[in-house]
C-alpha atoms as a PDB file:
ATOM      1  CA  MET A   1     -14.372  17.269 -15.550  1.00  0.00           C
ATOM      2  CA  ASN A   2     -11.475  18.632 -13.468  1.00  0.00           C
ATOM      3  CA  SER A   3      -9.259  16.560 -11.170  1.00  0.00           C
ATOM      4  CA  LEU A   4     -11.126  17.319  -7.948  1.00  0.00           C
ATOM      5  CA  GLU A   5     -14.501  16.597  -9.530  1.00  0.00           C
ATOM      6  CA  ARG A   6     -13.273  13.179 -10.614  1.00  0.00           C
ATOM      7  CA  ILE A   7     -12.234  12.345  -7.045  1.00  0.00           C
ATOM      8  CA  GLU A   8     -15.466  13.754  -5.620  1.00  0.00           C
ATOM      9  CA  ARG A   9     -17.559  11.572  -7.937  1.00  0.00           C
ATOM     10  CA  ALA A  10     -15.678   8.479  -6.795  1.00  0.00           C
ATOM     11  CA  ALA A  11     -16.101   9.437  -3.130  1.00  0.00           C
ATOM     12  CA  GLY A  12     -19.830  10.000  -3.670  1.00  0.00           C
ATOM     13  CA  VAL A  13     -20.315   6.447  -4.921  1.00  0.00           C
ATOM     14  CA  LEU A  14     -18.098   4.993  -2.188  1.00  0.00           C
ATOM     15  CA  ALA A  15     -20.247   6.736   0.425  1.00  0.00           C
ATOM     16  CA  GLU A  16     -23.002   4.249  -0.459  1.00  0.00           C
ATOM     17  CA  LEU A  17     -20.855   1.567   1.203  1.00  0.00           C
ATOM     18  CA  GLY A  18     -20.334   3.554   4.424  1.00  0.00           C
ATOM     19  CA  ARG A  19     -18.027   6.178   5.882  1.00  0.00           C
ATOM     20  CA  PRO A  20     -15.216   4.336   7.700  1.00  0.00           C
ATOM     21  CA  GLN A  21     -12.276   6.217   9.179  1.00  0.00           C
ATOM     22  CA  LEU A  22      -9.801   3.406   8.467  1.00  0.00           C
ATOM     23  CA  ALA A  23      -8.746   1.980   5.082  1.00  0.00           C
ATOM     24  CA  VAL A  24      -6.511  -0.998   4.246  1.00  0.00           C
ATOM     25  CA  VAL A  25      -4.883  -1.354   0.809  1.00  0.00           C
ATOM     26  CA  LEU A  26      -3.872  -4.927  -0.039  1.00  0.00           C
ATOM     27  CA  GLY A  27      -1.048  -5.427  -2.526  1.00  0.00           C
ATOM     28  CA  SER A  28       0.194  -8.182  -4.849  1.00  0.00           C
ATOM     29  CA  GLY A  29      -1.236 -11.587  -4.007  1.00  0.00           C
ATOM     30  CA  LEU A  30      -2.779 -10.298  -0.779  1.00  0.00           C
ATOM     31  CA  SER A  31      -6.313  -9.622  -2.017  1.00  0.00           C
ATOM     32  CA  GLU A  32      -7.861 -12.327   0.183  1.00  0.00           C
ATOM     33  CA  VAL A  33      -6.302 -11.046   3.411  1.00  0.00           C
ATOM     34  CA  LEU A  34      -8.578  -9.643   6.151  1.00  0.00           C
ATOM     35  CA  PRO A  35     -12.085 -10.977   5.423  1.00  0.00           C
ATOM     36  CA  LEU A  36     -14.843  -8.619   6.571  1.00  0.00           C
ATOM     37  CA  ALA A  37     -18.184  -9.273   8.248  1.00  0.00           C
ATOM     38  CA  ALA A  38     -21.397  -7.598   7.025  1.00  0.00           C
ATOM     39  CA  LYS A  39     -19.571  -6.282   3.979  1.00  0.00           C
ATOM     40  CA  LYS A  40     -20.709  -4.271   0.974  1.00  0.00           C
ATOM     41  CA  THR A  41     -18.614  -4.474  -2.203  1.00  0.00           C
ATOM     42  CA  LEU A  42     -17.970  -2.447  -5.341  1.00  0.00           C
ATOM     43  CA  SER A  43     -15.685  -3.332  -8.237  1.00  0.00           C
ATOM     44  CA  PHE A  44     -13.288  -0.653  -9.424  1.00  0.00           C
ATOM     45  CA  GLN A  45     -15.187  -0.564 -12.718  1.00  0.00           C
ATOM     46  CA  ASP A  46     -18.347   0.473 -10.850  1.00  0.00           C
ATOM     47  CA  ILE A  47     -16.665   3.458  -9.167  1.00  0.00           C
ATOM     48  CA  PRO A  48     -16.509   6.576 -11.396  1.00  0.00           C
ATOM     49  CA  GLY A  49     -12.960   7.709 -12.034  1.00  0.00           C
ATOM     50  CA  PHE A  50     -11.261   4.604 -10.652  1.00  0.00           C
ATOM     51  CA  PRO A  51      -8.651   3.063 -12.966  1.00  0.00           C
ATOM     52  CA  ARG A  52      -8.871  -0.696 -13.456  1.00  0.00           C
ATOM     53  CA  PRO A  53      -6.048  -3.005 -12.317  1.00  0.00           C
ATOM     54  CA  THR A  54      -4.521  -5.114 -15.097  1.00  0.00           C
ATOM     55  CA  VAL A  55      -2.089  -7.281 -13.098  1.00  0.00           C
ATOM     56  CA  ALA A  56      -2.594 -10.829 -11.811  1.00  0.00           C
ATOM     57  CA  GLY A  57      -3.132 -10.904  -8.052  1.00  0.00           C
ATOM     58  CA  HIS A  58      -5.029  -7.589  -7.935  1.00  0.00           C
ATOM     59  CA  SER A  59      -8.774  -8.278  -7.870  1.00  0.00           C
ATOM     60  CA  GLY A  60      -9.840  -4.605  -8.022  1.00  0.00           C
ATOM     61  CA  GLN A  61     -12.579  -4.388  -5.410  1.00  0.00           C
ATOM     62  CA  VAL A  62     -13.463  -2.046  -2.558  1.00  0.00           C
ATOM     63  CA  GLU A  63     -15.261  -3.491   0.461  1.00  0.00           C
ATOM     64  CA  VAL A  64     -16.634  -1.832   3.581  1.00  0.00           C
ATOM     65  CA  GLY A  65     -17.458  -4.063   6.520  1.00  0.00           C
ATOM     66  CA  LYS A  66     -16.563  -4.955  10.077  1.00  0.00           C
ATOM     67  CA  VAL A  67     -13.480  -6.294  11.821  1.00  0.00           C
ATOM     68  CA  GLY A  68     -14.870  -6.916  15.264  1.00  0.00           C
ATOM     69  CA  GLU A  69     -16.812  -3.746  16.005  1.00  0.00           C
ATOM     70  CA  ARG A  70     -14.614  -1.569  13.789  1.00  0.00           C
ATOM     71  CA  GLU A  71     -15.891  -0.422  10.412  1.00  0.00           C
ATOM     72  CA  VAL A  72     -13.112  -0.582   7.820  1.00  0.00           C
ATOM     73  CA  LEU A  73     -12.653  -0.087   4.082  1.00  0.00           C
ATOM     74  CA  VAL A  74     -10.520  -2.717   2.348  1.00  0.00           C
ATOM     75  CA  GLN A  75      -9.136  -2.149  -1.145  1.00  0.00           C
ATOM     76  CA  ARG A  76      -8.346  -5.521  -2.677  1.00  0.00           C
ATOM     77  CA  GLY A  77      -5.676  -4.902  -5.311  1.00  0.00           C
ATOM     78  CA  ARG A  78      -4.106  -1.656  -6.529  1.00  0.00           C
ATOM     79  CA  ILE A  79      -3.067   0.399  -9.535  1.00  0.00           C
ATOM     80  CA  HIS A  80       0.595   0.750 -10.547  1.00  0.00           C
ATOM     81  CA  PHE A  81       2.408   3.458 -12.486  1.00  0.00           C
ATOM     82  CA  TYR A  82       3.855   0.834 -14.838  1.00  0.00           C
ATOM     83  CA  GLU A  83       0.390  -0.190 -16.025  1.00  0.00           C
ATOM     84  CA  GLY A  84       0.334   3.002 -18.083  1.00  0.00           C
ATOM     85  CA  TYR A  85      -1.692   5.203 -15.755  1.00  0.00           C
ATOM     86  CA  ASP A  86      -0.232   8.520 -14.678  1.00  0.00           C
ATOM     87  CA  LEU A  87       0.548   9.127 -11.019  1.00  0.00           C
ATOM     88  CA  PHE A  88      -2.565  11.265 -10.544  1.00  0.00           C
ATOM     89  CA  GLU A  89      -4.703   8.282 -11.573  1.00  0.00           C
ATOM     90  CA  VAL A  90      -2.749   5.872  -9.361  1.00  0.00           C
ATOM     91  CA  VAL A  91      -3.733   7.823  -6.245  1.00  0.00           C
ATOM     92  CA  ILE A  92      -7.391   8.521  -7.085  1.00  0.00           C
ATOM     93  CA  PRO A  93      -8.554   5.738  -4.736  1.00  0.00           C
ATOM     94  CA  VAL A  94      -6.600   7.045  -1.734  1.00  0.00           C
ATOM     95  CA  ARG A  95      -7.734  10.613  -2.366  1.00  0.00           C
ATOM     96  CA  ALA A  96     -11.351   9.465  -2.658  1.00  0.00           C
ATOM     97  CA  TYR A  97     -10.991   7.736   0.721  1.00  0.00           C
ATOM     98  CA  ALA A  98      -9.734  11.014   2.184  1.00  0.00           C
ATOM     99  CA  LEU A  99     -12.889  12.798   0.990  1.00  0.00           C
ATOM    100  CA  LEU A 100     -14.914   9.903   2.408  1.00  0.00           C
ATOM    101  CA  GLY A 101     -13.487  10.662   5.856  1.00  0.00           C
ATOM    102  CA  VAL A 102     -10.708   8.080   6.187  1.00  0.00           C
ATOM    103  CA  LYS A 103      -8.119   9.246   8.724  1.00  0.00           C
ATOM    104  CA  THR A 104      -5.786   6.229   8.885  1.00  0.00           C
ATOM    105  CA  LEU A 105      -4.370   4.183   5.991  1.00  0.00           C
ATOM    106  CA  VAL A 106      -2.768   0.750   6.322  1.00  0.00           C
ATOM    107  CA  ILE A 107      -0.922  -0.010   3.103  1.00  0.00           C
ATOM    108  CA  THR A 108       0.630  -3.353   2.191  1.00  0.00           C
ATOM    109  CA  ASN A 109       2.848  -4.545  -0.634  1.00  0.00           C
ATOM    110  CA  ALA A 110       5.135  -7.273  -1.897  1.00  0.00           C
ATOM    111  CA  SER A 111       8.824  -6.429  -2.085  1.00  0.00           C
ATOM    112  CA  GLY A 112      12.272  -7.719  -2.833  1.00  0.00           C
ATOM    113  CA  GLY A 113      14.607  -7.936   0.128  1.00  0.00           C
ATOM    114  CA  ILE A 114      17.820  -5.906  -0.129  1.00  0.00           C
ATOM    115  CA  ALA A 115      19.037  -5.675   3.469  1.00  0.00           C
ATOM    116  CA  ASP A 116      21.204  -8.362   5.015  1.00  0.00           C
ATOM    117  CA  GLY A 117      18.981 -10.528   7.185  1.00  0.00           C
ATOM    118  CA  PHE A 118      15.809  -9.995   5.142  1.00  0.00           C
ATOM    119  CA  HIS A 119      14.437 -13.255   3.746  1.00  0.00           C
ATOM    120  CA  PRO A 120      11.418 -14.315   1.655  1.00  0.00           C
ATOM    121  CA  GLY A 121       8.380 -14.506   3.894  1.00  0.00           C
ATOM    122  CA  ASP A 122       9.485 -11.742   6.293  1.00  0.00           C
ATOM    123  CA  LEU A 123       6.905  -9.118   7.254  1.00  0.00           C
ATOM    124  CA  VAL A 124       8.496  -5.669   7.471  1.00  0.00           C
ATOM    125  CA  LEU A 125       7.144  -2.405   8.869  1.00  0.00           C
ATOM    126  CA  ILE A 126       8.122   0.406   6.496  1.00  0.00           C
ATOM    127  CA  THR A 127       9.935   3.209   8.300  1.00  0.00           C
ATOM    128  CA  ASP A 128      10.570   5.519   5.330  1.00  0.00           C
ATOM    129  CA  HIS A 129      10.786   5.484   1.544  1.00  0.00           C
ATOM    130  CA  ILE A 130      12.932   6.567  -1.388  1.00  0.00           C
ATOM    131  CA  ASN A 131      11.018   7.698  -4.483  1.00  0.00           C
ATOM    132  CA  MET A 132      12.735   6.507  -7.679  1.00  0.00           C
ATOM    133  CA  LEU A 133       9.598   6.697  -9.824  1.00  0.00           C
ATOM    134  CA  GLY A 134      10.688   9.887 -11.546  1.00  0.00           C
ATOM    135  CA  GLY A 135       7.503  11.735 -10.596  1.00  0.00           C
ATOM    136  CA  ASN A 136       5.189  12.831  -7.812  1.00  0.00           C
ATOM    137  CA  PRO A 137       1.380  12.434  -7.695  1.00  0.00           C
ATOM    138  CA  LEU A 138       1.023  15.992  -6.336  1.00  0.00           C
ATOM    139  CA  ARG A 139       2.565  17.525  -9.459  1.00  0.00           C
ATOM    140  CA  GLY A 140       0.313  20.118 -11.069  1.00  0.00           C
ATOM    141  CA  PRO A 141      -2.273  22.435  -9.504  1.00  0.00           C
ATOM    142  CA  ASN A 142      -2.678  21.764  -5.801  1.00  0.00           C
ATOM    143  CA  LEU A 143      -6.048  20.403  -4.675  1.00  0.00           C
ATOM    144  CA  ASP A 144      -6.470  22.727  -1.707  1.00  0.00           C
ATOM    145  CA  ARG A 145      -9.509  20.864  -0.402  1.00  0.00           C
ATOM    146  CA  LEU A 146      -7.304  17.835   0.183  1.00  0.00           C
ATOM    147  CA  GLY A 147      -4.112  19.359   1.547  1.00  0.00           C
ATOM    148  CA  PRO A 148      -1.327  21.981   1.371  1.00  0.00           C
ATOM    149  CA  ARG A 149       0.905  22.774  -1.592  1.00  0.00           C
ATOM    150  CA  PHE A 150       4.044  21.561   0.232  1.00  0.00           C
ATOM    151  CA  PRO A 151       3.194  18.674   2.587  1.00  0.00           C
ATOM    152  CA  ASP A 152       5.792  17.538   5.118  1.00  0.00           C
ATOM    153  CA  MET A 153       7.052  13.947   4.659  1.00  0.00           C
ATOM    154  CA  THR A 154       9.344  13.763   7.700  1.00  0.00           C
ATOM    155  CA  ALA A 155       7.217  11.093   9.392  1.00  0.00           C
ATOM    156  CA  ALA A 156       5.391   9.657   6.388  1.00  0.00           C
ATOM    157  CA  TYR A 157       5.079   6.296   8.160  1.00  0.00           C
ATOM    158  CA  ASP A 158       3.602   6.973  11.590  1.00  0.00           C
ATOM    159  CA  PRO A 159       5.976   5.973  14.450  1.00  0.00           C
ATOM    160  CA  GLU A 160       3.118   5.457  16.934  1.00  0.00           C
ATOM    161  CA  LEU A 161       1.280   3.128  14.565  1.00  0.00           C
ATOM    162  CA  ARG A 162       4.482   1.143  14.008  1.00  0.00           C
ATOM    163  CA  ALA A 163       4.958   0.808  17.752  1.00  0.00           C
ATOM    164  CA  LEU A 164       1.385  -0.448  18.110  1.00  0.00           C
ATOM    165  CA  ALA A 165       1.928  -2.959  15.281  1.00  0.00           C
ATOM    166  CA  ARG A 166       5.093  -4.229  16.983  1.00  0.00           C
ATOM    167  CA  ARG A 167       3.214  -4.750  20.267  1.00  0.00           C
ATOM    168  CA  VAL A 168       0.406  -6.633  18.526  1.00  0.00           C
ATOM    169  CA  GLY A 169       2.941  -8.726  16.605  1.00  0.00           C
ATOM    170  CA  GLU A 170       4.723  -9.657  19.821  1.00  0.00           C
ATOM    171  CA  GLN A 171       1.437 -10.709  21.420  1.00  0.00           C
ATOM    172  CA  LEU A 172       0.689 -12.959  18.435  1.00  0.00           C
ATOM    173  CA  GLY A 173       4.217 -14.333  18.107  1.00  0.00           C
ATOM    174  CA  ILE A 174       4.641 -12.686  14.679  1.00  0.00           C
ATOM    175  CA  GLU A 175       8.074 -11.210  13.999  1.00  0.00           C
ATOM    176  CA  LEU A 176       7.982  -7.785  12.361  1.00  0.00           C
ATOM    177  CA  LYS A 177      11.199  -6.332  11.003  1.00  0.00           C
ATOM    178  CA  GLU A 178      11.655  -2.687   9.963  1.00  0.00           C
ATOM    179  CA  GLY A 179      13.161  -1.083   6.887  1.00  0.00           C
ATOM    180  CA  VAL A 180      13.251   1.594   4.195  1.00  0.00           C
ATOM    181  CA  TYR A 181      11.348   0.934   0.948  1.00  0.00           C
ATOM    182  CA  VAL A 182      12.512   2.174  -2.457  1.00  0.00           C
ATOM    183  CA  ALA A 183       9.943   2.447  -5.263  1.00  0.00           C
ATOM    184  CA  THR A 184      11.014   1.919  -8.867  1.00  0.00           C
ATOM    185  CA  MET A 185       8.964   2.440 -12.000  1.00  0.00           C
ATOM    186  CA  GLY A 186       8.971  -1.162 -13.307  1.00  0.00           C
ATOM    187  CA  PRO A 187       7.636  -3.329 -14.783  1.00  0.00           C
ATOM    188  CA  SER A 188      11.080  -4.855 -15.367  1.00  0.00           C
ATOM    189  CA  TYR A 189      12.786  -6.018 -12.221  1.00  0.00           C
ATOM    190  CA  GLU A 190      15.866  -4.138 -11.106  1.00  0.00           C
ATOM    191  CA  THR A 191      19.386  -5.038 -12.196  1.00  0.00           C
ATOM    192  CA  PRO A 192      21.983  -6.255  -9.687  1.00  0.00           C
ATOM    193  CA  ALA A 193      23.869  -2.967 -10.149  1.00  0.00           C
ATOM    194  CA  GLU A 194      20.730  -0.996  -9.311  1.00  0.00           C
ATOM    195  CA  ILE A 195      20.206  -3.085  -6.187  1.00  0.00           C
ATOM    196  CA  ARG A 196      23.767  -2.395  -5.059  1.00  0.00           C
ATOM    197  CA  ALA A 197      23.155   1.319  -5.638  1.00  0.00           C
ATOM    198  CA  PHE A 198      19.866   1.251  -3.702  1.00  0.00           C
ATOM    199  CA  LYS A 199      21.577  -0.510  -0.795  1.00  0.00           C
ATOM    200  CA  THR A 200      24.214   2.232  -0.749  1.00  0.00           C
ATOM    201  CA  LEU A 201      21.400   4.807  -0.642  1.00  0.00           C
ATOM    202  CA  GLY A 202      19.948   3.132   2.448  1.00  0.00           C
ATOM    203  CA  ALA A 203      17.146   1.007   0.971  1.00  0.00           C
ATOM    204  CA  ASP A 204      16.208  -2.290   2.619  1.00  0.00           C
ATOM    205  CA  LEU A 205      13.268  -3.230   0.367  1.00  0.00           C
ATOM    206  CA  VAL A 206      12.406  -2.615  -3.280  1.00  0.00           C
ATOM    207  CA  GLY A 207       9.071  -2.594  -5.089  1.00  0.00           C
ATOM    208  CA  MET A 208       6.925  -0.835  -7.683  1.00  0.00           C
ATOM    209  CA  SER A 209       4.093   0.672  -5.625  1.00  0.00           C
ATOM    210  CA  THR A 210       3.080   2.280  -2.325  1.00  0.00           C
ATOM    211  CA  VAL A 211       5.056   5.529  -2.480  1.00  0.00           C
ATOM    212  CA  PRO A 212       2.537   7.481  -4.616  1.00  0.00           C
ATOM    213  CA  GLU A 213      -0.339   6.430  -2.345  1.00  0.00           C
ATOM    214  CA  VAL A 214       1.582   7.337   0.789  1.00  0.00           C
ATOM    215  CA  ILE A 215       2.437  10.785  -0.602  1.00  0.00           C
ATOM    216  CA  ALA A 216      -1.237  11.383  -1.442  1.00  0.00           C
ATOM    217  CA  ALA A 217      -2.356  10.094   1.946  1.00  0.00           C
ATOM    218  CA  ARG A 218       0.039  12.349   3.833  1.00  0.00           C
ATOM    219  CA  HIS A 219      -0.968  15.308   1.656  1.00  0.00           C
ATOM    220  CA  ALA A 220      -4.538  14.685   2.825  1.00  0.00           C
ATOM    221  CA  GLY A 221      -3.485  14.428   6.474  1.00  0.00           C
ATOM    222  CA  MET A 222      -3.883  10.666   6.892  1.00  0.00           C
ATOM    223  CA  ARG A 223      -1.768   8.661   9.304  1.00  0.00           C
ATOM    224  CA  VAL A 224      -0.023   5.789   7.490  1.00  0.00           C
ATOM    225  CA  LEU A 225       1.143   2.338   8.515  1.00  0.00           C
ATOM    226  CA  GLY A 226       3.094   0.443   5.840  1.00  0.00           C
ATOM    227  CA  ILE A 227       3.606  -3.351   5.944  1.00  0.00           C
ATOM    228  CA  SER A 228       5.687  -5.129   3.307  1.00  0.00           C
ATOM    229  CA  CYS A 229       5.896  -8.847   2.626  1.00  0.00           C
ATOM    230  CA  VAL A 230       9.348  -9.816   1.371  1.00  0.00           C
ATOM    231  CA  THR A 231       8.673 -12.244  -1.466  1.00  0.00           C
ATOM    232  CA  ASN A 232      12.171 -12.789  -2.867  1.00  0.00           C
ATOM    233  CA  TYR A 233      15.785 -11.714  -2.606  1.00  0.00           C
ATOM    234  CA  ALA A 234      16.385  -8.665  -4.797  1.00  0.00           C
ATOM    235  CA  ALA A 235      18.274  -9.056  -8.085  1.00  0.00           C
ATOM    236  CA  GLY A 236      21.791 -10.426  -7.791  1.00  0.00           C
ATOM    237  CA  LEU A 237      21.468 -11.534  -4.157  1.00  0.00           C
ATOM    238  CA  SER A 238      20.395 -15.140  -4.715  1.00  0.00           C
ATOM    239  CA  GLY A 239      21.774 -16.023  -8.125  1.00  0.00           C
ATOM    240  CA  GLN A 240      18.264 -16.933  -9.259  1.00  0.00           C
ATOM    241  CA  PRO A 241      16.095 -15.154 -11.854  1.00  0.00           C
ATOM    242  CA  LEU A 242      13.133 -13.161 -10.538  1.00  0.00           C
ATOM    243  CA  SER A 243       9.522 -13.952 -11.429  1.00  0.00           C
ATOM    244  CA  HIS A 244       6.017 -12.736 -10.620  1.00  0.00           C
ATOM    245  CA  GLU A 245       5.066 -16.344  -9.902  1.00  0.00           C
ATOM    246  CA  GLU A 246       7.541 -16.395  -6.995  1.00  0.00           C
ATOM    247  CA  VAL A 247       5.999 -13.170  -5.671  1.00  0.00           C
ATOM    248  CA  MET A 248       2.504 -14.658  -5.802  1.00  0.00           C
ATOM    249  CA  GLU A 249       3.555 -17.936  -4.188  1.00  0.00           C
ATOM    250  CA  THR A 250       5.213 -16.217  -1.216  1.00  0.00           C
ATOM    251  CA  THR A 251       2.300 -13.844  -0.613  1.00  0.00           C
ATOM    252  CA  ARG A 252      -0.128 -16.774  -0.700  1.00  0.00           C
ATOM    253  CA  ARG A 253       2.014 -18.532   1.880  1.00  0.00           C
ATOM    254  CA  LYS A 254       2.116 -15.488   4.181  1.00  0.00           C
ATOM    255  CA  ALA A 255      -1.490 -14.352   3.679  1.00  0.00           C
ATOM    256  CA  ALA A 256      -2.846 -16.174   6.738  1.00  0.00           C
ATOM    257  CA  GLU A 257      -0.208 -14.671   9.043  1.00  0.00           C
ATOM    258  CA  LEU A 258      -0.758 -11.142   7.720  1.00  0.00           C
ATOM    259  CA  SER A 259      -4.514 -11.611   8.011  1.00  0.00           C
ATOM    260  CA  ARG A 260      -4.125 -12.673  11.652  1.00  0.00           C
ATOM    261  CA  LEU A 261      -1.955  -9.624  12.363  1.00  0.00           C
ATOM    262  CA  LEU A 262      -4.381  -7.196  10.711  1.00  0.00           C
ATOM    263  CA  ALA A 263      -7.431  -8.746  12.366  1.00  0.00           C
ATOM    264  CA  ALA A 264      -5.872  -8.094  15.778  1.00  0.00           C
ATOM    265  CA  LEU A 265      -4.395  -4.714  14.854  1.00  0.00           C
ATOM    266  CA  VAL A 266      -7.245  -3.008  12.976  1.00  0.00           C
ATOM    267  CA  PRO A 267      -9.653  -2.685  15.938  1.00  0.00           C
ATOM    268  CA  GLN A 268      -6.896  -0.875  17.878  1.00  0.00           C
ATOM    269  CA  LEU A 269      -5.988   1.676  15.191  1.00  0.00           C
END
C-alpha cells in the first residue's frame, strides 16, 4: 500500500462519522475539552492507517458531532515524533481530514513558556513556528492530490482566525496572548542553554508537537488556528525540575476555560 492509499483508507472510514469542514486537535491533557452533541466516535485503533498514541493524556479518539449548529471533528489526543513514529505517520490524521473535506484546523498543545511575561496557565495564540525537529513531514514524493511540492508557509497561522479568536476572547473575558512556538524532538525536556538559544532565535513557547501537523495542513490548503496552553516555565527559568505531571495538572486546570473559548469560537469559524 502506498502513502496516499493509506491516507485514503483512513479518510474512507472517517467518512462514516460525517464530512465536517472544521477539525479541532486537542493536545496533552486537553482530551476532554469541547464536548460534542449528537456525536459519533472512533478510536484510533479502528481507523486504518492511524498510529496509536502511547502517552498519558492522549485518549486517541476521533469524534464528529455538533457545537451549536456547526458540525465539527474533534481529535482527542495526538501522535508525537518522539513516540517512534516517523513524521509521515504523525500527520496521517490531518491529511485524512483534508481528504474528508476539512478546510479549517484548530490545533492545541501544551507548552513551556520562554518569553518574559508568559506564565503557567496562559492561553497563547500561535503566530508562527520554528521547526527544530530535524525533519519535515512532506519529505519524499509529493502527494499531488493533497497539495503542491513547495507549499508557502508565510502565514501558516491564519491572521484572520487569530483576530476572530481575540475578539471572542475579549467578549468572554479570556486573555489571549500571542507568540512564536518552537518544536523540539523530545522526549527529554530542553536544557537551560537550549532555552536561552531558542529565546535568542525569537521563540516564545516550546513543545514537542504541532509543527508537523501544521505543515501538512497548510500543504493541503487548510486554514490553521493554533492555541497553546502554557503549562510551566521552560527549563532554567524557574529553578524547578520539569515534569509531565505538572503539564497534566495545568491543562486540567485550564480545560474549562479553553472549552468555553472553543465553544464560542467554533460556530464562527
